[in-house]
Amino acid sequence: MSGIIIGVLAIQGDVAENIMATKIALEELGLEGIVNEVKTPEQISDLDGLIIPGGESTVIGTLSLVNGSLKKIKEKIANGMPVFGICAGMILLSTKAKDRVIGETDQPLLDLLDVTIERNAFGRQKDSFESEISIDKIGIPKFQGIFIRAPSIIETGKNVEVLSKFNEKIIAVKQGNIIGTSFHPELTGDISLHKYFVNVIKNKN
């Protein structure tokens, strides 16, 4: 195998930061692999793993829907491809999303991660903050969580494992090959979560 192919959905959000963090993670783990921006169904069909970065989930969902990428992403994840949804990316993966202010949102969702999400659970842009959190269940006892208009998870299905909470709100989960976080690990300089995700992909291949 010439190495693993990891894509970062490049419609909006922290694309460059995730590419950089994933490249460093591969390097530190001593693994061969490439990390690319992906947009089209053709690019997505070649992937071993996918990161859906933060940004505006409605925009990401709507634009992906237009070019058929959502359908291809859904197909690949359903067939076992590991995926890491960050902030808006986690919202896109969920089965149900509500907004703290406007209630039910009629946005396109992949309907794969069995959770109900509250958008902007910690407030708007001006309420962004950083806090130390723990993701002990996957061997990361200390991590600097950066929360920017962050969602939280208000309900989880029976196959969803809660990885981390902050102020009693669920902020990181895992369900099979799907990982979701409310916070932005690509903005911290700490690549332990990206390394964890790369290992999930490696163990799958």
N, C-alpha and C. Protein backbone atom coordinates (compact mmCIF):
# COMPACT_ATOMS: atom_id res chain seq x y z
N MET A 1 0.85 -1.20 0.00
CA MET A 1 0.00 0.00 0.00
C MET A 1 0.89 1.25 0.00
N SER A 2 0.56 2.17 -0.90
CA SER A 2 1.42 3.35 -1.02
C SER A 2 1.15 4.38 0.06
N GLY A 3 0.28 4.07 0.97
CA GLY A 3 -0.02 5.02 2.05
C GLY A 3 -1.50 5.34 2.07
N ILE A 4 -1.92 5.94 3.17
CA ILE A 4 -3.34 6.22 3.29
C ILE A 4 -3.67 7.58 2.69
N ILE A 5 -4.87 7.68 2.17
CA ILE A 5 -5.31 8.93 1.55
C ILE A 5 -6.39 9.54 2.45
N ILE A 6 -6.10 10.72 2.97
CA ILE A 6 -7.03 11.40 3.86
C ILE A 6 -7.48 12.69 3.19
N GLY A 7 -8.77 12.93 3.21
CA GLY A 7 -9.29 14.15 2.61
C GLY A 7 -9.82 15.10 3.67
N VAL A 8 -9.72 16.40 3.38
CA VAL A 8 -10.37 17.41 4.22
C VAL A 8 -11.40 18.09 3.31
N LEU A 9 -12.67 18.00 3.69
CA LEU A 9 -13.72 18.57 2.86
C LEU A 9 -13.51 20.08 2.76
N ALA A 10 -13.23 20.54 1.54
CA ALA A 10 -12.75 21.92 1.37
C ALA A 10 -13.83 22.80 0.77
N ILE A 11 -14.91 22.97 1.52
CA ILE A 11 -15.95 23.86 1.05
C ILE A 11 -15.90 25.16 1.82
N GLN A 12 -15.57 25.03 3.10
CA GLN A 12 -15.50 26.22 3.95
C GLN A 12 -14.84 25.81 5.25
N GLY A 13 -14.36 26.77 6.01
CA GLY A 13 -13.84 26.43 7.34
C GLY A 13 -12.34 26.24 7.37
N ASP A 14 -11.86 25.59 8.46
CA ASP A 14 -10.42 25.51 8.74
C ASP A 14 -9.75 24.39 7.95
N VAL A 15 -9.75 24.53 6.65
CA VAL A 15 -9.24 23.46 5.78
C VAL A 15 -7.72 23.34 5.89
N ALA A 16 -7.01 24.46 5.69
CA ALA A 16 -5.53 24.44 5.70
C ALA A 16 -4.99 23.94 7.04
N GLU A 17 -5.62 24.39 8.14
CA GLU A 17 -5.15 23.99 9.48
C GLU A 17 -5.30 22.48 9.70
N ASN A 18 -6.41 21.92 9.19
CA ASN A 18 -6.61 20.47 9.33
C ASN A 18 -5.65 19.68 8.45
N ILE A 19 -5.37 20.19 7.28
CA ILE A 19 -4.41 19.51 6.39
C ILE A 19 -3.04 19.48 7.07
N MET A 20 -2.64 20.62 7.61
CA MET A 20 -1.34 20.71 8.28
C MET A 20 -1.26 19.77 9.49
N ALA A 21 -2.28 19.79 10.34
CA ALA A 21 -2.28 18.94 11.54
C ALA A 21 -2.23 17.46 11.17
N THR A 22 -2.95 17.09 10.10
CA THR A 22 -3.00 15.68 9.69
C THR A 22 -1.67 15.25 9.09
N LYS A 23 -1.04 16.14 8.33
CA LYS A 23 0.28 15.82 7.75
C LYS A 23 1.31 15.60 8.86
N ILE A 24 1.28 16.46 9.87
CA ILE A 24 2.23 16.32 10.99
C ILE A 24 1.93 15.02 11.75
N ALA A 25 0.64 14.70 11.91
CA ALA A 25 0.25 13.47 12.61
C ALA A 25 0.80 12.24 11.87
N LEU A 26 0.67 12.22 10.54
CA LEU A 26 1.21 11.10 9.75
C LEU A 26 2.71 10.98 9.96
N GLU A 27 3.37 12.13 9.90
CA GLU A 27 4.83 12.19 10.04
C GLU A 27 5.27 11.65 11.41
N GLU A 28 4.61 12.14 12.46
CA GLU A 28 4.99 11.73 13.82
C GLU A 28 4.70 10.25 14.07
N LEU A 29 3.70 9.72 13.37
CA LEU A 29 3.38 8.30 13.53
C LEU A 29 4.22 7.42 12.59
N GLY A 30 5.03 8.09 11.75
CA GLY A 30 5.89 7.35 10.82
C GLY A 30 5.11 6.62 9.74
N LEU A 31 4.00 7.22 9.31
CA LEU A 31 3.15 6.57 8.31
C LEU A 31 3.23 7.27 6.97
N GLU A 32 3.14 6.47 5.91
CA GLU A 32 3.06 7.01 4.55
C GLU A 32 1.62 7.43 4.30
N GLY A 33 1.47 8.58 3.69
CA GLY A 33 0.10 8.97 3.37
C GLY A 33 0.05 10.34 2.75
N ILE A 34 -1.09 10.65 2.14
CA ILE A 34 -1.27 11.99 1.59
C ILE A 34 -2.55 12.60 2.14
N VAL A 35 -2.53 13.91 2.26
CA VAL A 35 -3.68 14.64 2.77
C VAL A 35 -4.05 15.68 1.72
N ASN A 36 -5.28 15.62 1.25
CA ASN A 36 -5.71 16.51 0.18
C ASN A 36 -6.99 17.24 0.52
N GLU A 37 -7.15 18.42 -0.10
CA GLU A 37 -8.47 19.06 -0.09
C GLU A 37 -9.37 18.24 -1.00
N VAL A 38 -10.60 18.01 -0.59
CA VAL A 38 -11.53 17.31 -1.49
C VAL A 38 -12.84 18.08 -1.57
N LYS A 39 -13.42 18.03 -2.78
CA LYS A 39 -14.72 18.70 -2.99
C LYS A 39 -15.67 17.81 -3.78
N THR A 40 -15.13 17.11 -4.75
CA THR A 40 -16.01 16.40 -5.69
C THR A 40 -16.25 14.95 -5.27
N PRO A 41 -17.35 14.36 -5.75
CA PRO A 41 -17.61 12.95 -5.45
C PRO A 41 -16.47 12.05 -5.90
N GLU A 42 -15.82 12.40 -7.03
CA GLU A 42 -14.70 11.59 -7.54
C GLU A 42 -13.53 11.59 -6.56
N GLN A 43 -13.19 12.78 -6.03
CA GLN A 43 -12.09 12.87 -5.06
C GLN A 43 -12.45 12.10 -3.79
N ILE A 44 -13.69 12.17 -3.38
CA ILE A 44 -14.12 11.52 -2.14
C ILE A 44 -14.08 10.00 -2.27
N SER A 45 -14.37 9.51 -3.48
CA SER A 45 -14.42 8.05 -3.64
C SER A 45 -13.06 7.38 -3.45
N ASP A 46 -11.97 8.13 -3.56
CA ASP A 46 -10.62 7.55 -3.39
C ASP A 46 -10.14 7.50 -1.93
N LEU A 47 -10.90 8.10 -1.02
CA LEU A 47 -10.38 8.34 0.33
C LEU A 47 -10.42 7.11 1.24
N ASP A 48 -9.44 7.09 2.18
CA ASP A 48 -9.46 6.12 3.28
C ASP A 48 -10.05 6.74 4.54
N GLY A 49 -10.06 8.07 4.60
CA GLY A 49 -10.60 8.77 5.78
C GLY A 49 -10.90 10.21 5.39
N LEU A 50 -11.84 10.83 6.11
CA LEU A 50 -12.27 12.19 5.76
C LEU A 50 -12.43 13.03 7.02
N ILE A 51 -11.97 14.30 6.93
CA ILE A 51 -12.22 15.28 7.99
C ILE A 51 -13.21 16.30 7.43
N ILE A 52 -14.28 16.53 8.19
CA ILE A 52 -15.22 17.60 7.80
C ILE A 52 -14.99 18.73 8.80
N PRO A 53 -14.38 19.83 8.35
CA PRO A 53 -13.94 20.86 9.31
C PRO A 53 -15.06 21.77 9.76
N GLY A 54 -14.71 22.63 10.71
CA GLY A 54 -15.64 23.65 11.18
C GLY A 54 -15.91 24.66 10.08
N GLY A 55 -16.87 25.52 10.32
CA GLY A 55 -17.30 26.50 9.32
C GLY A 55 -18.77 26.74 9.58
N GLU A 56 -19.52 26.96 8.56
CA GLU A 56 -20.97 27.16 8.72
C GLU A 56 -21.65 25.91 8.17
N SER A 57 -22.24 25.11 9.07
CA SER A 57 -22.73 23.78 8.68
C SER A 57 -23.80 23.84 7.59
N THR A 58 -24.62 24.89 7.63
CA THR A 58 -25.67 24.99 6.62
C THR A 58 -25.06 25.18 5.24
N VAL A 59 -24.04 26.04 5.17
CA VAL A 59 -23.36 26.31 3.89
C VAL A 59 -22.66 25.04 3.40
N ILE A 60 -21.92 24.39 4.31
CA ILE A 60 -21.19 23.18 3.92
C ILE A 60 -22.17 22.13 3.39
N GLY A 61 -23.27 21.95 4.13
CA GLY A 61 -24.26 20.94 3.73
C GLY A 61 -24.90 21.26 2.41
N THR A 62 -25.29 22.51 2.23
CA THR A 62 -25.99 22.89 1.01
C THR A 62 -25.08 22.79 -0.20
N LEU A 63 -23.84 23.28 -0.07
CA LEU A 63 -22.91 23.22 -1.20
C LEU A 63 -22.53 21.79 -1.55
N SER A 64 -22.36 20.95 -0.53
CA SER A 64 -22.00 19.56 -0.79
C SER A 64 -23.15 18.83 -1.48
N LEU A 65 -24.35 19.23 -1.12
CA LEU A 65 -25.54 18.62 -1.69
C LEU A 65 -25.62 18.91 -3.18
N VAL A 66 -25.27 20.15 -3.52
CA VAL A 66 -25.36 20.60 -4.91
C VAL A 66 -24.47 19.77 -5.82
N ASN A 67 -23.23 19.48 -5.39
CA ASN A 67 -22.35 18.76 -6.31
C ASN A 67 -22.35 17.24 -6.08
N GLY A 68 -23.27 16.75 -5.26
CA GLY A 68 -23.37 15.29 -5.09
C GLY A 68 -22.38 14.71 -4.08
N SER A 69 -21.58 15.58 -3.44
CA SER A 69 -20.57 15.08 -2.50
C SER A 69 -21.21 14.45 -1.27
N LEU A 70 -22.31 15.03 -0.78
CA LEU A 70 -22.93 14.49 0.43
C LEU A 70 -23.34 13.04 0.24
N LYS A 71 -23.88 12.75 -0.94
CA LYS A 71 -24.33 11.38 -1.24
C LYS A 71 -23.13 10.42 -1.20
N LYS A 72 -22.04 10.86 -1.82
CA LYS A 72 -20.83 10.02 -1.86
C LYS A 72 -20.23 9.87 -0.46
N ILE A 73 -20.20 10.95 0.32
CA ILE A 73 -19.68 10.89 1.69
C ILE A 73 -20.51 9.90 2.51
N LYS A 74 -21.80 10.01 2.38
CA LYS A 74 -22.72 9.15 3.15
C LYS A 74 -22.48 7.67 2.81
N GLU A 75 -22.33 7.43 1.53
CA GLU A 75 -22.08 6.06 1.03
C GLU A 75 -20.77 5.50 1.60
N LYS A 76 -19.72 6.32 1.53
CA LYS A 76 -18.40 5.88 2.01
C LYS A 76 -18.40 5.61 3.52
N ILE A 77 -19.03 6.52 4.29
CA ILE A 77 -19.06 6.35 5.75
C ILE A 77 -19.89 5.12 6.12
N ALA A 78 -21.02 4.95 5.41
CA ALA A 78 -21.87 3.78 5.66
C ALA A 78 -21.12 2.49 5.38
N ASN A 79 -20.15 2.56 4.47
CA ASN A 79 -19.33 1.38 4.15
C ASN A 79 -18.10 1.27 5.03
N GLY A 80 -18.01 2.14 6.07
CA GLY A 80 -16.94 1.97 7.05
C GLY A 80 -15.79 2.95 7.02
N MET A 81 -15.82 3.92 6.07
CA MET A 81 -14.72 4.90 6.04
C MET A 81 -14.75 5.76 7.30
N PRO A 82 -13.61 5.87 8.03
CA PRO A 82 -13.58 6.74 9.21
C PRO A 82 -13.76 8.22 8.83
N VAL A 83 -14.47 8.93 9.67
CA VAL A 83 -14.71 10.36 9.44
C VAL A 83 -14.60 11.10 10.76
N PHE A 84 -14.06 12.32 10.69
CA PHE A 84 -13.87 13.16 11.87
C PHE A 84 -14.60 14.47 11.58
N GLY A 85 -15.70 14.70 12.31
CA GLY A 85 -16.47 15.93 12.12
C GLY A 85 -16.17 16.92 13.23
N ILE A 86 -15.72 18.10 12.84
CA ILE A 86 -15.31 19.13 13.80
C ILE A 86 -16.32 20.27 13.79
N CYS A 87 -16.95 20.54 14.94
CA CYS A 87 -17.88 21.65 15.07
C CYS A 87 -18.99 21.56 14.02
N ALA A 88 -18.95 22.39 12.97
CA ALA A 88 -19.97 22.30 11.92
C ALA A 88 -19.97 20.93 11.25
N GLY A 89 -18.78 20.32 11.18
CA GLY A 89 -18.68 18.98 10.58
C GLY A 89 -19.45 17.95 11.39
N MET A 90 -19.41 18.09 12.71
CA MET A 90 -20.16 17.18 13.57
C MET A 90 -21.66 17.40 13.39
N ILE A 91 -22.07 18.66 13.25
CA ILE A 91 -23.49 18.96 13.01
C ILE A 91 -23.95 18.27 11.73
N LEU A 92 -23.13 18.38 10.69
CA LEU A 92 -23.47 17.79 9.38
C LEU A 92 -23.64 16.27 9.46
N LEU A 93 -22.87 15.62 10.33
CA LEU A 93 -22.94 14.16 10.47
C LEU A 93 -24.17 13.70 11.26
N SER A 94 -24.77 14.62 12.03
CA SER A 94 -25.79 14.22 13.00
C SER A 94 -27.13 13.85 12.37
N THR A 95 -28.00 13.26 13.21
CA THR A 95 -29.33 12.92 12.73
C THR A 95 -30.31 14.08 12.94
N LYS A 96 -29.99 14.96 13.90
CA LYS A 96 -30.91 16.05 14.20
C LYS A 96 -30.16 17.25 14.75
N ALA A 97 -30.48 18.45 14.26
CA ALA A 97 -29.84 19.66 14.77
C ALA A 97 -30.90 20.70 15.11
N LYS A 98 -30.70 21.34 16.27
CA LYS A 98 -31.59 22.42 16.70
C LYS A 98 -30.72 23.63 16.95
N ASP A 99 -31.32 24.81 16.88
CA ASP A 99 -30.58 26.01 17.24
C ASP A 99 -31.13 26.51 18.58
N ARG A 100 -30.21 26.97 19.42
CA ARG A 100 -30.60 27.41 20.76
C ARG A 100 -31.64 28.52 20.69
N VAL A 101 -31.56 29.33 19.61
CA VAL A 101 -32.46 30.48 19.50
C VAL A 101 -33.66 30.16 18.60
N ILE A 102 -33.38 29.59 17.42
CA ILE A 102 -34.48 29.45 16.45
C ILE A 102 -35.14 28.07 16.43
N GLY A 103 -34.65 27.16 17.26
CA GLY A 103 -35.28 25.84 17.32
C GLY A 103 -34.84 24.92 16.19
N GLU A 104 -35.76 24.09 15.68
CA GLU A 104 -35.42 23.10 14.64
C GLU A 104 -34.79 23.80 13.43
N THR A 105 -33.76 23.20 12.87
CA THR A 105 -33.16 23.79 11.67
C THR A 105 -33.40 22.85 10.50
N ASP A 106 -33.74 23.43 9.38
CA ASP A 106 -34.06 22.62 8.22
C ASP A 106 -32.84 22.58 7.31
N GLN A 107 -31.71 22.06 7.83
CA GLN A 107 -30.50 22.04 7.03
C GLN A 107 -30.20 20.61 6.58
N PRO A 108 -29.47 20.45 5.47
CA PRO A 108 -29.15 19.09 5.04
C PRO A 108 -28.19 18.41 6.02
N LEU A 109 -28.54 17.21 6.46
CA LEU A 109 -27.70 16.47 7.40
C LEU A 109 -27.41 15.08 6.82
N LEU A 110 -26.26 14.53 7.20
CA LEU A 110 -25.89 13.20 6.70
C LEU A 110 -26.65 12.09 7.42
N ASP A 111 -27.14 12.39 8.63
CA ASP A 111 -27.99 11.43 9.33
C ASP A 111 -27.26 10.12 9.64
N LEU A 112 -25.99 10.24 10.06
CA LEU A 112 -25.17 9.05 10.32
C LEU A 112 -24.77 8.92 11.79
N LEU A 113 -24.57 10.05 12.44
CA LEU A 113 -24.18 10.06 13.85
C LEU A 113 -25.45 10.24 14.67
N ASP A 114 -25.77 9.23 15.49
CA ASP A 114 -27.06 9.17 16.15
C ASP A 114 -27.12 10.11 17.36
N VAL A 115 -27.13 11.40 17.07
CA VAL A 115 -27.17 12.41 18.14
C VAL A 115 -28.09 13.56 17.75
N THR A 116 -28.58 14.25 18.76
CA THR A 116 -29.27 15.52 18.53
C THR A 116 -28.33 16.61 19.00
N ILE A 117 -28.15 17.59 18.14
CA ILE A 117 -27.17 18.65 18.43
C ILE A 117 -27.86 19.98 18.62
N GLU A 118 -27.36 20.73 19.59
CA GLU A 118 -27.82 22.11 19.76
C GLU A 118 -26.73 23.01 19.21
N ARG A 119 -27.09 23.73 18.16
CA ARG A 119 -26.12 24.67 17.57
C ARG A 119 -25.93 25.87 18.49
N ASN A 120 -24.73 26.46 18.41
CA ASN A 120 -24.42 27.66 19.21
C ASN A 120 -24.76 27.47 20.70
N ALA A 121 -24.48 26.27 21.20
CA ALA A 121 -24.86 25.93 22.58
C ALA A 121 -24.15 26.78 23.62
N PHE A 122 -22.98 27.30 23.26
CA PHE A 122 -22.20 28.11 24.21
C PHE A 122 -22.26 29.59 23.87
N GLY A 123 -23.17 29.95 22.95
CA GLY A 123 -23.27 31.36 22.56
C GLY A 123 -22.71 31.61 21.17
N ARG A 124 -22.73 32.85 20.78
CA ARG A 124 -22.31 33.25 19.43
C ARG A 124 -20.80 33.49 19.37
N GLN A 125 -20.36 34.07 18.25
CA GLN A 125 -18.93 34.29 18.00
C GLN A 125 -18.22 34.98 19.16
N LYS A 126 -18.85 36.02 19.69
CA LYS A 126 -18.22 36.81 20.76
C LYS A 126 -18.05 35.99 22.05
N ASP A 127 -18.79 34.88 22.15
CA ASP A 127 -18.69 34.04 23.35
C ASP A 127 -17.67 32.91 23.19
N SER A 128 -16.85 32.98 22.14
CA SER A 128 -15.83 31.95 21.92
C SER A 128 -14.87 31.92 23.12
N PHE A 129 -14.36 30.73 23.44
CA PHE A 129 -13.47 30.61 24.60
C PHE A 129 -12.58 29.38 24.46
N GLU A 130 -11.59 29.31 25.33
CA GLU A 130 -10.71 28.13 25.40
C GLU A 130 -10.79 27.55 26.79
N SER A 131 -10.69 26.23 26.87
CA SER A 131 -10.68 25.61 28.19
C SER A 131 -9.99 24.26 28.11
N GLU A 132 -9.32 23.89 29.21
CA GLU A 132 -8.70 22.56 29.22
C GLU A 132 -9.80 21.51 29.42
N ILE A 133 -9.74 20.47 28.60
CA ILE A 133 -10.72 19.39 28.71
C ILE A 133 -9.97 18.06 28.78
N SER A 134 -10.71 17.00 29.06
CA SER A 134 -10.09 15.67 29.13
C SER A 134 -10.81 14.73 28.17
N ILE A 135 -10.00 13.97 27.41
CA ILE A 135 -10.58 12.95 26.52
C ILE A 135 -9.93 11.62 26.90
N ASP A 136 -10.04 11.31 28.18
CA ASP A 136 -9.39 10.14 28.78
C ASP A 136 -9.69 8.82 28.07
N LYS A 137 -10.93 8.69 27.60
CA LYS A 137 -11.36 7.42 27.02
C LYS A 137 -10.53 7.01 25.81
N ILE A 138 -9.92 7.99 25.14
CA ILE A 138 -9.06 7.64 23.99
C ILE A 138 -7.60 8.02 24.28
N GLY A 139 -7.29 8.06 25.59
CA GLY A 139 -5.89 8.23 25.98
C GLY A 139 -5.36 9.64 25.87
N ILE A 140 -6.25 10.65 25.90
CA ILE A 140 -5.80 12.05 25.85
C ILE A 140 -6.30 12.74 27.13
N PRO A 141 -5.50 12.67 28.22
CA PRO A 141 -5.99 13.19 29.50
C PRO A 141 -6.17 14.71 29.54
N LYS A 142 -5.33 15.42 28.75
CA LYS A 142 -5.41 16.89 28.77
C LYS A 142 -5.39 17.42 27.35
N PHE A 143 -6.34 18.30 27.05
CA PHE A 143 -6.40 18.88 25.70
C PHE A 143 -6.97 20.28 25.83
N GLN A 144 -6.42 21.20 25.04
CA GLN A 144 -6.92 22.58 25.07
C GLN A 144 -8.08 22.70 24.07
N GLY A 145 -9.29 22.81 24.58
CA GLY A 145 -10.45 22.91 23.68
C GLY A 145 -10.68 24.35 23.28
N ILE A 146 -10.79 24.58 21.98
CA ILE A 146 -11.10 25.93 21.48
C ILE A 146 -12.53 25.89 20.95
N PHE A 147 -13.41 26.67 21.58
CA PHE A 147 -14.83 26.63 21.25
C PHE A 147 -15.23 27.92 20.54
N ILE A 148 -15.67 27.80 19.28
CA ILE A 148 -16.06 28.97 18.49
C ILE A 148 -17.48 28.72 17.98
N ARG A 149 -18.42 29.46 18.51
CA ARG A 149 -19.85 29.22 18.19
C ARG A 149 -20.14 27.72 18.26
N ALA A 150 -19.68 27.11 19.32
CA ALA A 150 -19.65 25.64 19.38
C ALA A 150 -21.03 25.05 19.66
N PRO A 151 -21.29 23.91 19.01
CA PRO A 151 -22.51 23.17 19.33
C PRO A 151 -22.26 22.27 20.55
N SER A 152 -23.32 21.72 21.12
CA SER A 152 -23.14 20.63 22.08
C SER A 152 -24.15 19.54 21.72
N ILE A 153 -23.94 18.36 22.29
CA ILE A 153 -24.82 17.24 21.99
C ILE A 153 -25.80 17.10 23.13
N ILE A 154 -27.10 17.13 22.80
CA ILE A 154 -28.09 17.08 23.88
C ILE A 154 -28.74 15.70 24.03
N GLU A 155 -28.60 14.87 23.01
CA GLU A 155 -29.10 13.49 23.12
C GLU A 155 -28.19 12.57 22.34
N THR A 156 -27.97 11.35 22.86
CA THR A 156 -27.16 10.38 22.11
C THR A 156 -27.91 9.06 21.99
N GLY A 157 -27.72 8.40 20.85
CA GLY A 157 -28.29 7.07 20.64
C GLY A 157 -27.48 6.03 21.41
N LYS A 158 -27.99 4.81 21.43
CA LYS A 158 -27.37 3.79 22.30
C LYS A 158 -25.98 3.34 21.84
N ASN A 159 -25.64 3.55 20.57
CA ASN A 159 -24.32 3.13 20.09
C ASN A 159 -23.28 4.24 20.15
N VAL A 160 -23.66 5.36 20.73
CA VAL A 160 -22.76 6.52 20.76
C VAL A 160 -22.01 6.54 22.09
N GLU A 161 -20.69 6.60 22.01
CA GLU A 161 -19.86 6.68 23.21
C GLU A 161 -19.49 8.14 23.47
N VAL A 162 -19.76 8.60 24.69
CA VAL A 162 -19.39 9.98 25.04
C VAL A 162 -17.91 9.99 25.42
N LEU A 163 -17.12 10.83 24.73
CA LEU A 163 -15.68 10.90 24.99
C LEU A 163 -15.31 12.04 25.93
N SER A 164 -16.11 13.11 25.90
CA SER A 164 -15.74 14.26 26.73
C SER A 164 -16.95 15.15 27.00
N LYS A 165 -16.92 15.77 28.19
CA LYS A 165 -17.96 16.74 28.56
C LYS A 165 -17.29 18.01 29.07
N PHE A 166 -17.99 19.12 28.93
CA PHE A 166 -17.52 20.38 29.51
C PHE A 166 -18.74 21.05 30.14
N ASN A 167 -18.65 21.39 31.41
CA ASN A 167 -19.81 21.95 32.14
C ASN A 167 -21.06 21.10 31.94
N GLU A 168 -20.87 19.79 32.04
CA GLU A 168 -21.97 18.82 31.88
C GLU A 168 -22.53 18.73 30.46
N LYS A 169 -21.97 19.49 29.52
CA LYS A 169 -22.44 19.38 28.13
C LYS A 169 -21.52 18.42 27.37
N ILE A 170 -22.11 17.59 26.55
CA ILE A 170 -21.32 16.62 25.77
C ILE A 170 -20.65 17.34 24.60
N ILE A 171 -19.32 17.18 24.51
CA ILE A 171 -18.57 17.93 23.48
C ILE A 171 -17.72 17.04 22.57
N ALA A 172 -17.69 15.72 22.85
CA ALA A 172 -16.96 14.82 21.94
C ALA A 172 -17.58 13.43 22.04
N VAL A 173 -17.78 12.81 20.87
CA VAL A 173 -18.41 11.48 20.83
C VAL A 173 -17.75 10.61 19.77
N LYS A 174 -18.03 9.31 19.90
CA LYS A 174 -17.56 8.36 18.90
C LYS A 174 -18.67 7.34 18.68
N GLN A 175 -18.91 7.03 17.43
CA GLN A 175 -19.88 5.99 17.09
C GLN A 175 -19.29 5.18 15.94
N GLY A 176 -18.79 4.00 16.27
CA GLY A 176 -18.15 3.18 15.23
C GLY A 176 -16.98 3.93 14.60
N ASN A 177 -17.08 4.19 13.30
CA ASN A 177 -16.00 4.84 12.55
C ASN A 177 -16.14 6.36 12.51
N ILE A 178 -17.07 6.90 13.31
CA ILE A 178 -17.34 8.35 13.29
C ILE A 178 -16.89 8.99 14.60
N ILE A 179 -16.12 10.09 14.47
CA ILE A 179 -15.72 10.87 15.65
C ILE A 179 -16.24 12.28 15.45
N GLY A 180 -16.79 12.87 16.50
CA GLY A 180 -17.27 14.25 16.40
C GLY A 180 -16.83 15.07 17.61
N THR A 181 -16.39 16.31 17.36
CA THR A 181 -16.04 17.21 18.47
C THR A 181 -16.70 18.57 18.27
N SER A 182 -17.07 19.19 19.40
CA SER A 182 -17.64 20.55 19.37
C SER A 182 -16.56 21.59 19.17
N PHE A 183 -15.35 21.24 19.61
CA PHE A 183 -14.24 22.20 19.63
C PHE A 183 -13.33 21.99 18.42
N HIS A 184 -12.35 22.88 18.27
CA HIS A 184 -11.49 22.90 17.08
C HIS A 184 -10.07 22.45 17.40
N PRO A 185 -9.76 21.16 17.30
CA PRO A 185 -8.41 20.70 17.63
C PRO A 185 -7.34 21.22 16.67
N GLU A 186 -7.75 21.55 15.44
CA GLU A 186 -6.76 22.01 14.45
C GLU A 186 -6.19 23.39 14.76
N LEU A 187 -6.81 24.10 15.70
CA LEU A 187 -6.34 25.46 16.03
C LEU A 187 -5.42 25.49 17.25
N THR A 188 -5.12 24.31 17.82
CA THR A 188 -4.40 24.30 19.09
C THR A 188 -2.90 24.09 18.99
N GLY A 189 -2.43 23.50 17.90
CA GLY A 189 -1.02 23.09 17.86
C GLY A 189 -0.81 21.74 18.53
N ASP A 190 -1.86 21.19 19.15
CA ASP A 190 -1.79 19.85 19.76
C ASP A 190 -2.43 18.88 18.78
N ILE A 191 -1.62 17.95 18.25
CA ILE A 191 -2.17 17.08 17.20
C ILE A 191 -2.59 15.71 17.72
N SER A 192 -2.75 15.58 19.05
CA SER A 192 -3.06 14.25 19.57
C SER A 192 -4.39 13.69 19.04
N LEU A 193 -5.39 14.55 18.82
CA LEU A 193 -6.65 14.05 18.27
C LEU A 193 -6.51 13.66 16.81
N HIS A 194 -5.75 14.43 16.05
CA HIS A 194 -5.50 14.07 14.65
C HIS A 194 -4.71 12.75 14.56
N LYS A 195 -3.78 12.57 15.49
CA LYS A 195 -3.03 11.29 15.52
C LYS A 195 -3.96 10.13 15.83
N TYR A 196 -4.87 10.35 16.77
CA TYR A 196 -5.83 9.31 17.11
C TYR A 196 -6.66 8.94 15.87
N PHE A 197 -7.12 9.98 15.14
CA PHE A 197 -7.94 9.73 13.94
C PHE A 197 -7.13 8.99 12.86
N VAL A 198 -5.87 9.40 12.66
CA VAL A 198 -5.02 8.72 11.67
C VAL A 198 -4.86 7.24 12.04
N ASN A 199 -4.70 6.96 13.33
CA ASN A 199 -4.60 5.56 13.77
C ASN A 199 -5.88 4.77 13.51
N VAL A 200 -7.02 5.43 13.68
CA VAL A 200 -8.31 4.78 13.37
C VAL A 200 -8.33 4.37 11.89
N ILE A 201 -7.88 5.28 11.02
CA ILE A 201 -7.85 4.99 9.58
C ILE A 201 -6.86 3.85 9.30
N LYS A 202 -5.69 3.94 9.91
CA LYS A 202 -4.65 2.91 9.69
C LYS A 202 -5.17 1.54 10.08
N ASN A 203 -5.83 1.47 11.22
CA ASN A 203 -6.32 0.17 11.72
C ASN A 203 -7.46 -0.38 10.88
N LYS A 204 -8.08 0.50 10.12
CA LYS A 204 -9.20 0.12 9.27
C LYS A 204 -8.70 -0.48 7.97
N ASN A 205 -7.52 0.00 7.55
CA ASN A 205 -6.99 -0.42 6.23
C ASN A 205 -6.14 -1.68 6.33
